């Protein structure tokens, strides 16, 4: 008995190359299906935490460049108050989507929060490795025990 022909889906088509704002190409990685409707399965690179280090490098490279062609340069030129304001706005939007149960929007807003946090790090001279080291220091420690070990504010 002959097999019925397969129906074509987006997963059968070759993935289109996407333009990237990074000056260097991301390393080739394994792929995973993009979340979304089960019928359309596009493939995207498997994300790893080093994407944050690469984003930090890109934002750092924008410091002092033309604010009319780079959002990062524009934010950095506007100063710490504006950067902190934008970070706060994005954090609130992230919280709203989390409470509303909007998973896809939560993912998008989370990416915005991380981007604006990195802009704040660049402005403040904080290196990602310093944050990673602090997370490593806390690893395996109960959050309750970690908080109890902090010096207490005598005025609080």
Protein backbone atom coordinates (compact mmCIF):
# COMPACT_ATOMS: atom_id res chain seq x y z
CA UNK A 1 0.00 0.00 0.00
CA UNK A 2 1.53 3.40 -0.98
CA UNK A 3 2.33 5.87 1.77
CA UNK A 4 0.34 9.12 1.80
CA UNK A 5 2.37 12.21 0.87
CA UNK A 6 3.76 14.22 3.78
CA UNK A 7 2.27 17.64 4.32
CA UNK A 8 4.76 20.48 4.30
CA UNK A 9 5.14 22.56 7.44
CA UNK A 10 7.48 25.35 8.41
CA UNK A 11 9.72 22.68 9.96
CA UNK A 12 10.25 21.17 6.49
CA UNK A 13 11.52 24.45 5.07
CA UNK A 14 15.11 25.55 5.60
CA UNK A 15 15.47 28.12 8.36
CA UNK A 16 15.96 31.66 7.12
CA UNK A 17 19.12 33.42 8.19
CA UNK A 18 18.39 36.16 10.69
CA UNK A 19 20.23 39.43 10.87
CA UNK A 20 22.08 40.02 14.10
CA UNK A 21 23.20 43.19 15.81
CA UNK A 22 26.32 41.54 17.18
CA UNK A 23 29.58 42.36 15.43
CA UNK A 24 30.71 38.74 15.48
CA UNK A 25 28.74 35.65 14.56
CA UNK A 26 27.48 33.43 17.36
CA UNK A 27 29.04 29.99 17.52
CA UNK A 28 27.13 27.16 15.85
CA UNK A 29 25.11 25.27 18.41
CA UNK A 30 22.56 22.48 18.58
CA UNK A 31 19.03 23.56 17.81
CA UNK A 32 15.79 23.21 19.69
CA UNK A 33 12.22 23.84 18.57
CA UNK A 34 10.97 27.38 19.20
CA UNK A 35 8.06 27.49 21.69
CA UNK A 36 4.72 28.26 20.13
CA UNK A 37 1.99 26.51 18.17
CA UNK A 38 2.68 22.81 17.71
CA UNK A 39 1.98 23.01 13.96
CA UNK A 40 4.78 25.47 13.15
CA UNK A 41 8.16 24.36 14.42
CA UNK A 42 10.91 26.79 13.50
CA UNK A 43 14.37 26.02 14.73
CA UNK A 44 16.53 28.46 16.61
CA UNK A 45 20.01 28.16 18.15
CA UNK A 46 20.09 26.56 21.56
CA UNK A 47 20.70 29.44 23.93
CA UNK A 48 23.44 29.20 26.54
CA UNK A 49 24.34 31.63 29.32
CA UNK A 50 27.32 32.97 27.35
CA UNK A 51 24.79 34.94 25.28
CA UNK A 52 24.77 37.39 28.21
CA UNK A 53 28.55 37.81 28.02
CA UNK A 54 28.29 38.46 24.28
CA UNK A 55 25.49 40.98 24.85
CA UNK A 56 27.66 42.71 27.48
CA UNK A 57 30.48 42.97 24.92
CA UNK A 58 28.13 44.49 22.35
CA UNK A 59 26.67 47.02 24.81
CA UNK A 60 30.19 47.91 26.01
CA UNK A 61 31.27 48.51 22.43
CA UNK A 62 28.42 51.00 22.00
CA UNK A 63 29.64 53.29 24.81
CA UNK A 64 30.58 56.64 23.29
CA UNK A 65 29.23 55.79 19.82
CA UNK A 66 26.56 57.72 17.92
CA UNK A 67 23.32 57.68 19.95
CA UNK A 68 21.29 58.17 16.77
CA UNK A 69 22.22 54.71 15.48
CA UNK A 70 22.42 52.62 18.68
CA UNK A 71 19.79 52.23 21.40
CA UNK A 72 22.53 51.15 23.83
CA UNK A 73 24.59 54.27 23.01
CA UNK A 74 21.48 56.42 23.49
CA UNK A 75 20.75 54.93 26.92
CA UNK A 76 24.37 55.20 28.04
CA UNK A 77 24.52 58.84 26.87
CA UNK A 78 21.38 59.68 28.86
CA UNK A 79 22.99 58.59 32.13
CA UNK A 80 22.42 56.33 35.07
CA UNK A 81 19.04 57.76 36.11
CA UNK A 82 17.50 57.05 32.70
CA UNK A 83 19.12 53.61 32.55
CA UNK A 84 17.74 52.76 36.00
CA UNK A 85 14.31 54.11 35.03
CA UNK A 86 14.23 51.94 31.89
CA UNK A 87 15.35 48.90 33.90
CA UNK A 88 12.57 49.53 36.42
CA UNK A 89 9.95 49.90 33.68
CA UNK A 90 11.00 46.63 32.09
CA UNK A 91 11.03 44.86 35.46
CA UNK A 92 7.47 46.02 36.16
CA UNK A 93 6.34 44.88 32.69
CA UNK A 94 7.96 41.50 33.39
CA UNK A 95 6.10 41.21 36.70
CA UNK A 96 2.78 42.13 35.07
CA UNK A 97 3.18 39.39 32.45
CA UNK A 98 4.19 36.85 35.11
CA UNK A 99 1.13 37.60 37.24
CA UNK A 100 -1.13 37.53 34.17
CA UNK A 101 0.26 34.12 33.20
CA UNK A 102 1.37 35.32 29.75
CA UNK A 103 4.28 32.95 29.19
CA UNK A 104 5.43 34.26 25.78
CA UNK A 105 5.24 37.87 26.95
CA UNK A 106 7.09 36.94 30.16
CA UNK A 107 9.91 35.50 28.06
CA UNK A 108 10.06 38.67 25.94
CA UNK A 109 9.97 41.02 28.92
CA UNK A 110 12.60 38.90 30.72
CA UNK A 111 14.94 39.44 27.77
CA UNK A 112 14.26 43.20 28.02
CA UNK A 113 15.05 43.12 31.76
CA UNK A 114 18.35 41.31 31.15
CA UNK A 115 19.32 43.74 28.37
CA UNK A 116 18.61 46.80 30.51
CA UNK A 117 20.42 45.22 33.49
CA UNK A 118 23.47 44.75 31.28
CA UNK A 119 23.28 48.39 30.14
CA UNK A 120 23.23 49.34 33.84
CA UNK A 121 26.27 47.12 34.48
CA UNK A 122 28.18 48.74 31.62
CA UNK A 123 27.36 52.20 32.96
CA UNK A 124 28.39 51.26 36.52
CA UNK A 125 31.57 49.43 35.49
CA UNK A 126 30.32 46.04 36.69
CA UNK A 127 31.69 43.05 34.78
CA UNK A 128 29.48 39.99 34.27
CA UNK A 129 32.23 37.79 35.77
CA UNK A 130 31.82 39.69 39.05
CA UNK A 131 28.12 38.83 39.14
CA UNK A 132 28.79 35.22 38.13
CA UNK A 133 31.37 34.98 40.95
CA UNK A 134 28.80 36.25 43.46
CA UNK A 135 26.26 33.70 42.24
CA UNK A 136 28.91 30.99 42.52
CA UNK A 137 29.72 32.13 46.07
CA UNK A 138 26.04 31.77 46.99
CA UNK A 139 25.55 28.44 45.22
CA UNK A 140 24.53 25.67 47.58
CA UNK A 141 23.66 28.12 50.36
CA UNK A 142 20.09 28.35 51.52
CA UNK A 143 18.58 31.74 50.75
CA UNK A 144 17.41 31.93 54.36
CA UNK A 145 20.92 31.17 55.68
CA UNK A 146 22.51 33.62 53.20
CA UNK A 147 20.18 36.42 54.27
CA UNK A 148 20.74 35.67 57.98
CA UNK A 149 24.53 35.90 57.46
CA UNK A 150 24.33 39.45 56.07
CA UNK A 151 25.39 42.28 58.38
CA UNK A 152 22.38 43.86 60.03
CA UNK A 153 21.64 47.57 59.63
CA UNK A 154 21.51 48.99 63.20
CA UNK A 155 19.10 51.70 62.02
CA UNK A 156 16.61 49.24 60.50
